[in-house]
Amino acid sequence: MGDVQTLNEVNRPAGGVTLDSILEGIGAVPTAVVQHALFRGDLSDLRAGSVARWIAALDQVHPHGVQIYSIAYPVAEAGIEPATAGDAHEVVEEVSATLPHLAHISGAQS
């Protein structure tokens, strides 16, 4: 979640929790590994620009690694579906091309 709109729609953070505070916390951990579950549907983290904003957030916090995969189980929210293996592969490729310095990038196969 690299933007406030997606964070608020998907995670519905408690009052006082902001994207900036989350990014600051991740950035404070030098060995942090960011995990990201991709999904499609009425609400999606694959919307136009969402992936680019997420990659920009990764660049800001400099994680040790990134793990990218699709949701594996049904979610409570109606209209949400797993992303495809192709979606995950595309995001892994985009992260690798944009942030080649990351120590570890992986994408789960489905």
Protein backbone atom coordinates (compact mmCIF):
# COMPACT_ATOMS: atom_id res chain seq x y z
CA MET A 1 0.00 0.00 0.00
CA GLY A 2 1.93 2.94 -1.22
CA ASP A 3 -0.83 5.52 -1.01
CA VAL A 4 -3.21 6.80 1.63
CA GLN A 5 -6.38 5.92 -0.31
CA THR A 6 -5.46 2.24 -0.69
CA LEU A 7 -4.24 2.01 2.92
CA ASN A 8 -7.52 3.44 4.21
CA GLU A 9 -9.71 1.30 1.94
CA VAL A 10 -7.90 -1.99 2.57
CA ASN A 11 -6.46 -1.80 6.07
CA ARG A 12 -8.79 0.70 7.70
CA PRO A 13 -6.12 1.77 10.21
CA ALA A 14 -6.92 2.93 13.71
CA GLY A 15 -7.04 6.64 14.39
CA GLY A 16 -3.59 8.19 14.45
CA VAL A 17 -2.03 5.48 12.29
CA THR A 18 -0.84 7.08 9.07
CA LEU A 19 1.01 5.90 6.00
CA ASP A 20 3.93 8.11 7.00
CA SER A 21 4.12 6.57 10.48
CA ILE A 22 4.02 3.06 9.02
CA LEU A 23 6.77 3.87 6.51
CA GLU A 24 8.85 5.51 9.24
CA GLY A 25 8.54 2.38 11.39
CA ILE A 26 9.54 0.05 8.56
CA GLY A 27 12.44 2.32 7.65
CA ALA A 28 13.73 2.14 11.23
CA VAL A 29 14.31 -1.62 10.93
CA PRO A 30 17.40 -2.25 8.77
CA THR A 31 16.56 -5.92 8.21
CA ALA A 32 12.86 -5.37 7.46
CA VAL A 33 11.29 -7.61 4.84
CA VAL A 34 8.08 -6.23 3.37
CA GLN A 35 5.37 -8.73 2.45
CA HIS A 36 2.66 -7.70 0.03
CA ALA A 37 -0.44 -9.72 -0.86
CA LEU A 38 -1.91 -8.82 -4.25
CA PHE A 39 -5.63 -8.96 -4.98
CA ARG A 40 -8.16 -7.98 -7.65
CA GLY A 41 -11.81 -7.03 -7.65
CA ASP A 42 -13.99 -4.13 -6.57
CA LEU A 43 -11.07 -3.09 -4.41
CA SER A 44 -7.62 -3.82 -5.82
CA ASP A 45 -3.99 -3.00 -5.11
CA LEU A 46 -3.32 -3.43 -8.83
CA ARG A 47 -5.21 -0.27 -9.87
CA ALA A 48 -3.48 2.13 -12.22
CA GLY A 49 -0.67 3.82 -10.32
CA SER A 50 -1.00 1.73 -7.14
CA VAL A 51 2.01 -0.47 -7.87
CA ALA A 52 4.18 2.53 -8.82
CA ARG A 53 3.23 4.34 -5.59
CA TRP A 54 3.98 1.17 -3.58
CA ILE A 55 7.40 0.87 -5.24
CA ALA A 56 8.10 4.53 -4.43
CA ALA A 57 7.22 3.79 -0.78
CA LEU A 58 9.61 0.81 -0.85
CA ASP A 59 12.34 3.06 -2.17
CA GLN A 60 11.69 5.44 0.71
CA VAL A 61 12.06 2.79 3.45
CA HIS A 62 14.89 0.70 1.92
CA PRO A 63 13.75 -2.75 3.09
CA HIS A 64 16.18 -5.65 3.15
CA GLY A 65 13.78 -7.64 0.99
CA VAL A 66 10.34 -7.83 -0.53
CA GLN A 67 7.99 -10.82 -0.79
CA ILE A 68 5.13 -10.52 -3.27
CA TYR A 69 2.30 -13.02 -3.53
CA SER A 70 -1.46 -13.29 -4.07
CA ILE A 71 -4.02 -13.66 -1.32
CA ALA A 72 -4.53 -17.38 -0.71
CA TYR A 73 -7.78 -17.50 1.26
CA PRO A 74 -11.20 -15.92 0.83
CA VAL A 75 -11.54 -12.54 2.49
CA ALA A 76 -14.52 -11.05 4.35
CA GLU A 77 -14.94 -8.26 1.81
CA ALA A 78 -17.24 -9.21 -1.09
CA GLY A 79 -15.89 -8.78 -4.61
CA ILE A 80 -12.22 -9.47 -3.79
CA GLU A 81 -10.34 -12.19 -5.66
CA PRO A 82 -6.77 -13.47 -5.69
CA ALA A 83 -4.40 -11.89 -8.16
CA THR A 84 -3.03 -14.20 -10.82
CA ALA A 85 0.47 -15.67 -10.88
CA GLY A 86 1.01 -13.41 -13.89
CA ASP A 87 0.08 -10.36 -11.82
CA ALA A 88 2.60 -11.34 -9.14
CA HIS A 89 5.28 -11.98 -11.75
CA GLU A 90 4.71 -8.55 -13.34
CA VAL A 91 4.98 -6.81 -9.96
CA VAL A 92 8.16 -8.74 -9.08
CA GLU A 93 9.64 -7.72 -12.45
CA GLU A 94 8.69 -4.07 -11.90
CA VAL A 95 10.19 -4.02 -8.39
CA SER A 96 13.35 -5.74 -9.66
CA ALA A 97 13.73 -3.25 -12.51
CA THR A 98 13.07 -0.20 -10.33
CA LEU A 99 14.88 -1.25 -7.13
CA PRO A 100 17.63 -3.69 -8.21
CA HIS A 101 19.55 -3.05 -4.95
CA LEU A 102 17.05 -5.00 -2.85
CA ALA A 103 18.76 -7.97 -1.25
CA HIS A 104 15.82 -10.32 -1.77
CA ILE A 105 12.76 -10.15 -4.00
CA SER A 106 10.44 -13.12 -4.32
CA GLY A 107 7.02 -13.84 -5.73
CA ALA A 108 5.06 -16.92 -4.76
CA GLN A 109 3.83 -19.13 -7.55
CA SER A 110 0.18 -20.08 -7.62
